[in-house]
PDB file of N, CA and C in Angstrom:
ATOM      1  N   UNK A   1     176.800  36.616 -33.811  1.00  0.00           N
ATOM      2  CA  UNK A   1     178.166  36.173 -33.988  1.00  0.00           C
ATOM      3  C   UNK A   1     178.508  36.197 -35.482  1.00  0.00           C
ATOM      4  N   UNK A   2     179.659  36.762 -35.843  1.00  0.00           N
ATOM      5  CA  UNK A   2     180.037  36.835 -37.262  1.00  0.00           C
ATOM      6  C   UNK A   2     180.200  35.447 -37.876  1.00  0.00           C
ATOM      7  N   UNK A   3     179.938  35.383 -39.157  1.00  0.00           N
ATOM      8  CA  UNK A   3     180.122  34.150 -39.914  1.00  0.00           C
ATOM      9  C   UNK A   3     181.130  34.416 -41.030  1.00  0.00           C
ATOM     10  N   UNK A   4     181.863  33.398 -41.423  1.00  0.00           N
ATOM     11  CA  UNK A   4     182.872  33.535 -42.470  1.00  0.00           C
ATOM     12  C   UNK A   4     182.227  33.306 -43.834  1.00  0.00           C
ATOM     13  N   UNK A   5     182.601  34.181 -44.772  1.00  0.00           N
ATOM     14  CA  UNK A   5     182.132  34.101 -46.152  1.00  0.00           C
ATOM     15  C   UNK A   5     183.341  34.089 -47.080  1.00  0.00           C
ATOM     16  N   UNK A   6     183.171  33.424 -48.215  1.00  0.00           N
ATOM     17  CA  UNK A   6     184.256  33.251 -49.164  1.00  0.00           C
ATOM     18  C   UNK A   6     183.852  33.856 -50.504  1.00  0.00           C
ATOM     19  N   UNK A   7     184.835  34.338 -51.247  1.00  0.00           N
ATOM     20  CA  UNK A   7     184.586  35.080 -52.477  1.00  0.00           C
ATOM     21  C   UNK A   7     185.372  34.420 -53.614  1.00  0.00           C
ATOM     22  N   UNK A   8     184.705  33.529 -54.347  1.00  0.00           N
ATOM     23  CA  UNK A   8     185.332  32.775 -55.427  1.00  0.00           C
ATOM     24  C   UNK A   8     185.099  33.501 -56.747  1.00  0.00           C
ATOM     25  N   UNK A   9     186.103  33.468 -57.615  1.00  0.00           N
ATOM     26  CA  UNK A   9     185.996  34.125 -58.912  1.00  0.00           C
ATOM     27  C   UNK A   9     186.086  33.063 -59.997  1.00  0.00           C
ATOM     28  N   UNK A  10     185.082  33.055 -60.871  1.00  0.00           N
ATOM     29  CA  UNK A  10     185.063  32.142 -62.008  1.00  0.00           C
ATOM     30  C   UNK A  10     185.219  32.954 -63.281  1.00  0.00           C
ATOM     31  N   UNK A  11     186.237  32.592 -64.069  1.00  0.00           N
ATOM     32  CA  UNK A  11     186.512  33.243 -65.355  1.00  0.00           C
ATOM     33  C   UNK A  11     186.530  32.150 -66.403  1.00  0.00           C
ATOM     34  N   UNK A  12     185.396  31.956 -67.067  1.00  0.00           N
ATOM     35  CA  UNK A  12     185.275  30.840 -68.004  1.00  0.00           C
ATOM     36  C   UNK A  12     185.309  29.533 -67.221  1.00  0.00           C
ATOM     37  N   UNK A  13     186.260  28.667 -67.548  1.00  0.00           N
ATOM     38  CA  UNK A  13     186.369  27.398 -66.833  1.00  0.00           C
ATOM     39  C   UNK A  13     187.365  27.470 -65.673  1.00  0.00           C
ATOM     40  N   UNK A  14     188.076  28.590 -65.533  1.00  0.00           N
ATOM     41  CA  UNK A  14     189.038  28.756 -64.441  1.00  0.00           C
ATOM     42  C   UNK A  14     188.326  29.290 -63.196  1.00  0.00           C
ATOM     43  N   UNK A  15     188.616  28.698 -62.050  1.00  0.00           N
ATOM     44  CA  UNK A  15     188.025  29.162 -60.796  1.00  0.00           C
ATOM     45  C   UNK A  15     189.151  29.493 -59.810  1.00  0.00           C
ATOM     46  N   UNK A  16     189.122  30.701 -59.287  1.00  0.00           N
ATOM     47  CA  UNK A  16     190.043  31.111 -58.232  1.00  0.00           C
ATOM     48  C   UNK A  16     189.282  30.979 -56.913  1.00  0.00           C
ATOM     49  N   UNK A  17     189.703  30.028 -56.075  1.00  0.00           N
ATOM     50  CA  UNK A  17     188.999  29.721 -54.839  1.00  0.00           C
ATOM     51  C   UNK A  17     189.600  30.540 -53.699  1.00  0.00           C
ATOM     52  N   UNK A  18     188.738  31.235 -52.994  1.00  0.00           N
ATOM     53  CA  UNK A  18     189.124  31.980 -51.796  1.00  0.00           C
ATOM     54  C   UNK A  18     189.075  31.009 -50.622  1.00  0.00           C
ATOM     55  N   UNK A  19     190.225  30.645 -50.088  1.00  0.00           N
ATOM     56  CA  UNK A  19     190.220  29.697 -48.969  1.00  0.00           C
ATOM     57  C   UNK A  19     190.422  30.375 -47.622  1.00  0.00           C
ATOM     58  N   UNK A  20     190.536  31.706 -47.610  1.00  0.00           N
ATOM     59  CA  UNK A  20     190.643  32.455 -46.348  1.00  0.00           C
ATOM     60  C   UNK A  20     189.303  33.027 -45.918  1.00  0.00           C
ATOM     61  N   UNK A  21     188.651  33.714 -46.832  1.00  0.00           N
ATOM     62  CA  UNK A  21     187.366  34.341 -46.529  1.00  0.00           C
ATOM     63  C   UNK A  21     187.502  35.516 -45.588  1.00  0.00           C
ATOM     64  N   UNK A  22     186.345  36.065 -45.233  1.00  0.00           N
ATOM     65  CA  UNK A  22     186.258  37.185 -44.304  1.00  0.00           C
ATOM     66  C   UNK A  22     185.015  37.007 -43.460  1.00  0.00           C
ATOM     67  N   UNK A  23     185.041  37.585 -42.270  1.00  0.00           N
ATOM     68  CA  UNK A  23     183.879  37.487 -41.388  1.00  0.00           C
ATOM     69  C   UNK A  23     182.984  38.708 -41.538  1.00  0.00           C
ATOM     70  N   UNK A  24     181.674  38.439 -41.552  1.00  0.00           N
ATOM     71  CA  UNK A  24     180.656  39.481 -41.613  1.00  0.00           C
ATOM     72  C   UNK A  24     179.535  39.117 -40.660  1.00  0.00           C
ATOM     73  N   UNK A  25     178.849  40.134 -40.168  1.00  0.00           N
ATOM     74  CA  UNK A  25     177.760  39.918 -39.213  1.00  0.00           C
ATOM     75  C   UNK A  25     176.517  39.337 -39.878  1.00  0.00           C
ATOM     76  N   UNK A  26     176.311  39.675 -41.173  1.00  0.00           N
ATOM     77  CA  UNK A  26     175.105  39.206 -41.866  1.00  0.00           C
ATOM     78  C   UNK A  26     175.455  38.810 -43.299  1.00  0.00           C
ATOM     79  N   UNK A  27     174.625  37.965 -43.900  1.00  0.00           N
ATOM     80  CA  UNK A  27     174.838  37.644 -45.316  1.00  0.00           C
ATOM     81  C   UNK A  27     174.755  38.889 -46.204  1.00  0.00           C
ATOM     82  N   UNK A  28     173.907  39.822 -45.852  1.00  0.00           N
ATOM     83  CA  UNK A  28     173.759  41.060 -46.637  1.00  0.00           C
ATOM     84  C   UNK A  28     175.062  41.841 -46.669  1.00  0.00           C
ATOM     85  N   UNK A  29     175.757  41.924 -45.537  1.00  0.00           N
ATOM     86  CA  UNK A  29     177.046  42.627 -45.501  1.00  0.00           C
ATOM     87  C   UNK A  29     178.059  41.938 -46.411  1.00  0.00           C
ATOM     88  N   UNK A  30     178.069  40.613 -46.405  1.00  0.00           N
ATOM     89  CA  UNK A  30     178.975  39.862 -47.276  1.00  0.00           C
ATOM     90  C   UNK A  30     178.621  40.099 -48.744  1.00  0.00           C
ATOM     91  N   UNK A  31     177.337  40.148 -49.064  1.00  0.00           N
ATOM     92  CA  UNK A  31     176.866  40.403 -50.417  1.00  0.00           C
ATOM     93  C   UNK A  31     177.308  41.789 -50.882  1.00  0.00           C
ATOM     94  N   UNK A  32     177.135  42.786 -50.045  1.00  0.00           N
ATOM     95  CA  UNK A  32     177.536  44.156 -50.392  1.00  0.00           C
ATOM     96  C   UNK A  32     179.041  44.215 -50.647  1.00  0.00           C
ATOM     97  N   UNK A  33     179.816  43.557 -49.802  1.00  0.00           N
ATOM     98  CA  UNK A  33     181.263  43.523 -49.981  1.00  0.00           C
ATOM     99  C   UNK A  33     181.606  42.823 -51.302  1.00  0.00           C
ATOM    100  N   UNK A  34     180.940  41.714 -51.599  1.00  0.00           N
ATOM    101  CA  UNK A  34     181.179  41.007 -52.849  1.00  0.00           C
ATOM    102  C   UNK A  34     180.899  41.877 -54.066  1.00  0.00           C
ATOM    103  N   UNK A  35     179.818  42.651 -54.016  1.00  0.00           N
ATOM    104  CA  UNK A  35     179.484  43.563 -55.113  1.00  0.00           C
ATOM    105  C   UNK A  35     180.572  44.618 -55.282  1.00  0.00           C
ATOM    106  N   UNK A  36     181.093  45.118 -54.169  1.00  0.00           N
ATOM    107  CA  UNK A  36     182.167  46.121 -54.212  1.00  0.00           C
ATOM    108  C   UNK A  36     183.434  45.524 -54.829  1.00  0.00           C
ATOM    109  N   UNK A  37     183.791  44.312 -54.425  1.00  0.00           N
ATOM    110  CA  UNK A  37     184.979  43.651 -54.973  1.00  0.00           C
ATOM    111  C   UNK A  37     184.807  43.411 -56.474  1.00  0.00           C
ATOM    112  N   UNK A  38     183.635  42.952 -56.894  1.00  0.00           N
ATOM    113  CA  UNK A  38     183.374  42.718 -58.317  1.00  0.00           C
ATOM    114  C   UNK A  38     183.529  44.014 -59.110  1.00  0.00           C
ATOM    115  N   UNK A  39     183.029  45.107 -58.564  1.00  0.00           N
ATOM    116  CA  UNK A  39     183.166  46.403 -59.230  1.00  0.00           C
ATOM    117  C   UNK A  39     184.638  46.783 -59.344  1.00  0.00           C
ATOM    118  N   UNK A  40     185.382  46.635 -58.253  1.00  0.00           N
ATOM    119  CA  UNK A  40     186.797  47.010 -58.248  1.00  0.00           C
ATOM    120  C   UNK A  40     187.614  46.159 -59.220  1.00  0.00           C
ATOM    121  N   UNK A  41     187.312  44.871 -59.311  1.00  0.00           N
ATOM    122  CA  UNK A  41     188.006  44.017 -60.274  1.00  0.00           C
ATOM    123  C   UNK A  41     187.751  44.525 -61.689  1.00  0.00           C
ATOM    124  N   UNK A  42     186.535  44.998 -61.934  1.00  0.00           N
ATOM    125  CA  UNK A  42     186.176  45.510 -63.250  1.00  0.00           C
ATOM    126  C   UNK A  42     186.926  46.756 -63.660  1.00  0.00           C
ATOM    127  N   UNK A  43     187.625  47.401 -62.747  1.00  0.00           N
ATOM    128  CA  UNK A  43     188.406  48.596 -63.103  1.00  0.00           C
ATOM    129  C   UNK A  43     189.769  48.218 -63.694  1.00  0.00           C
ATOM    130  N   UNK A  44     190.148  46.936 -63.631  1.00  0.00           N
ATOM    131  CA  UNK A  44     191.378  46.485 -64.284  1.00  0.00           C
ATOM    132  C   UNK A  44     191.238  46.675 -65.788  1.00  0.00           C
ATOM    133  N   UNK A  45     192.326  46.860 -66.454  1.00  0.00           N
ATOM    134  CA  UNK A  45     192.298  47.121 -67.895  1.00  0.00           C
ATOM    135  C   UNK A  45     192.284  45.811 -68.678  1.00  0.00           C
ATOM    136  N   UNK A  46     191.158  45.105 -68.615  1.00  0.00           N
ATOM    137  CA  UNK A  46     190.972  43.890 -69.411  1.00  0.00           C
ATOM    138  C   UNK A  46     189.475  43.640 -69.568  1.00  0.00           C
ATOM    139  N   UNK A  47     189.143  42.774 -70.491  1.00  0.00           N
ATOM    140  CA  UNK A  47     187.737  42.436 -70.714  1.00  0.00           C
ATOM    141  C   UNK A  47     187.335  41.285 -69.807  1.00  0.00           C
ATOM    142  N   UNK A  48     186.103  41.301 -69.375  1.00  0.00           N
ATOM    143  CA  UNK A  48     185.545  40.261 -68.507  1.00  0.00           C
ATOM    144  C   UNK A  48     184.283  39.721 -69.169  1.00  0.00           C
ATOM    145  N   UNK A  49     184.491  38.859 -70.158  1.00  0.00           N
ATOM    146  CA  UNK A  49     183.357  38.354 -70.919  1.00  0.00           C
ATOM    147  C   UNK A  49     182.518  37.347 -70.152  1.00  0.00           C
ATOM    148  N   UNK A  50     183.155  36.503 -69.357  1.00  0.00           N
ATOM    149  CA  UNK A  50     182.437  35.426 -68.674  1.00  0.00           C
ATOM    150  C   UNK A  50     182.983  35.270 -67.257  1.00  0.00           C
ATOM    151  N   UNK A  51     182.987  36.377 -66.499  1.00  0.00           N
ATOM    152  CA  UNK A  51     183.602  36.363 -65.175  1.00  0.00           C
ATOM    153  C   UNK A  51     182.568  36.739 -64.123  1.00  0.00           C
ATOM    154  N   UNK A  52     182.552  35.955 -63.035  1.00  0.00           N
ATOM    155  CA  UNK A  52     181.615  36.186 -61.935  1.00  0.00           C
ATOM    156  C   UNK A  52     182.318  36.002 -60.603  1.00  0.00           C
ATOM    157  N   UNK A  53     181.840  36.697 -59.621  1.00  0.00           N
ATOM    158  CA  UNK A  53     182.289  36.527 -58.243  1.00  0.00           C
ATOM    159  C   UNK A  53     181.130  35.913 -57.464  1.00  0.00           C
ATOM    160  N   UNK A  54     181.393  34.798 -56.802  1.00  0.00           N
ATOM    161  CA  UNK A  54     180.371  34.136 -55.986  1.00  0.00           C
ATOM    162  C   UNK A  54     180.669  34.363 -54.520  1.00  0.00           C
ATOM    163  N   UNK A  55     179.638  34.686 -53.758  1.00  0.00           N
ATOM    164  CA  UNK A  55     179.746  34.830 -52.305  1.00  0.00           C
ATOM    165  C   UNK A  55     179.187  33.542 -51.707  1.00  0.00           C
ATOM    166  N   UNK A  56     180.021  32.849 -50.927  1.00  0.00           N
ATOM    167  CA  UNK A  56     179.667  31.533 -50.408  1.00  0.00           C
ATOM    168  C   UNK A  56     179.805  31.537 -48.894  1.00  0.00           C
ATOM    169  N   UNK A  57     178.807  30.973 -48.208  1.00  0.00           N
ATOM    170  CA  UNK A  57     178.884  30.928 -46.744  1.00  0.00           C
ATOM    171  C   UNK A  57     179.757  29.757 -46.285  1.00  0.00           C
ATOM    172  N   UNK A  58     179.966  29.648 -44.987  1.00  0.00           N
ATOM    173  CA  UNK A  58     180.855  28.634 -44.417  1.00  0.00           C
ATOM    174  C   UNK A  58     180.355  27.216 -44.660  1.00  0.00           C
ATOM    175  N   UNK A  59     179.057  27.046 -44.951  1.00  0.00           N
ATOM    176  CA  UNK A  59     178.495  25.730 -45.244  1.00  0.00           C
ATOM    177  C   UNK A  59     178.595  25.374 -46.723  1.00  0.00           C
ATOM    178  N   UNK A  60     179.157  26.285 -47.523  1.00  0.00           N
ATOM    179  CA  UNK A  60     179.317  26.029 -48.954  1.00  0.00           C
ATOM    180  C   UNK A  60     178.148  26.452 -49.803  1.00  0.00           C
ATOM    181  N   UNK A  61     177.178  27.173 -49.224  1.00  0.00           N
ATOM    182  CA  UNK A  61     176.012  27.640 -49.982  1.00  0.00           C
ATOM    183  C   UNK A  61     176.307  29.000 -50.609  1.00  0.00           C
ATOM    184  N   UNK A  62     176.041  29.107 -51.890  1.00  0.00           N
ATOM    185  CA  UNK A  62     176.200  30.386 -52.566  1.00  0.00           C
ATOM    186  C   UNK A  62     175.050  31.301 -52.145  1.00  0.00           C
ATOM    187  N   UNK A  63     175.392  32.469 -51.626  1.00  0.00           N
ATOM    188  CA  UNK A  63     174.347  33.411 -51.200  1.00  0.00           C
ATOM    189  C   UNK A  63     174.169  34.555 -52.182  1.00  0.00           C
ATOM    190  N   UNK A  64     175.177  34.765 -53.059  1.00  0.00           N
ATOM    191  CA  UNK A  64     175.073  35.839 -54.048  1.00  0.00           C
ATOM    192  C   UNK A  64     176.064  35.564 -55.166  1.00  0.00           C
ATOM    193  N   UNK A  65     175.757  36.148 -56.321  1.00  0.00           N
ATOM    194  CA  UNK A  65     176.653  36.051 -57.475  1.00  0.00           C
ATOM    195  C   UNK A  65     176.654  37.415 -58.165  1.00  0.00           C
ATOM    196  N   UNK A  66     177.841  37.890 -58.497  1.00  0.00           N
ATOM    197  CA  UNK A  66     177.982  39.201 -59.141  1.00  0.00           C
ATOM    198  C   UNK A  66     178.789  39.058 -60.421  1.00  0.00           C
ATOM    199  N   UNK A  67     178.209  39.500 -61.526  1.00  0.00           N
ATOM    200  CA  UNK A  67     178.939  39.532 -62.800  1.00  0.00           C
ATOM    201  C   UNK A  67     179.992  40.624 -62.700  1.00  0.00           C
ATOM    202  N   UNK A  68     181.138  40.349 -63.280  1.00  0.00           N
ATOM    203  CA  UNK A  68     182.203  41.349 -63.322  1.00  0.00           C
ATOM    204  C   UNK A  68     182.194  41.955 -64.709  1.00  0.00           C
ATOM    205  N   UNK A  69     182.051  43.280 -64.767  1.00  0.00           N
ATOM    206  CA  UNK A  69     182.015  44.017 -66.027  1.00  0.00           C
ATOM    207  C   UNK A  69     183.160  45.010 -66.023  1.00  0.00           C
ATOM    208  N   UNK A  70     183.757  45.198 -67.170  1.00  0.00           N
ATOM    209  CA  UNK A  70     184.817  46.200 -67.280  1.00  0.00           C
ATOM    210  C   UNK A  70     184.216  47.584 -67.046  1.00  0.00           C
ATOM    211  N   UNK A  71     184.838  48.309 -66.137  1.00  0.00           N
ATOM    212  CA  UNK A  71     184.404  49.660 -65.820  1.00  0.00           C
ATOM    213  C   UNK A  71     185.245  50.652 -66.635  1.00  0.00           C
ATOM    214  N   UNK A  72     184.603  51.402 -67.474  1.00  0.00           N
ATOM    215  CA  UNK A  72     185.337  52.365 -68.286  1.00  0.00           C
ATOM    216  C   UNK A  72     185.661  53.600 -67.450  1.00  0.00           C
ATOM    217  N   UNK A  73     186.866  54.176 -67.643  1.00  0.00           N
ATOM    218  CA  UNK A  73     187.211  55.384 -66.881  1.00  0.00           C
ATOM    219  C   UNK A  73     186.324  56.560 -67.281  1.00  0.00           C
ATOM    220  N   UNK A  74     186.089  57.437 -66.345  1.00  0.00           N
ATOM    221  CA  UNK A  74     185.227  58.615 -66.595  1.00  0.00           C
ATOM    222  C   UNK A  74     186.036  59.746 -67.158  1.00  0.00           C
TER     223      UNK A  74
END
């Protein structure tokens, strides 16, 4: 049965809380999605000195954390 996972973004002391989340069959699938979102955020034209995306399960446990890095265009 799918479980709901949430993707919170911390930028310095500011936290953007995901209160909707998404359902995934496994924690690994949620982790992979979180890594993809972190990469995509990094394509924005700004610096991400202290920004992370946390993947949190429905019980509030962090299962993964991804640093957001600015992705330079090729």
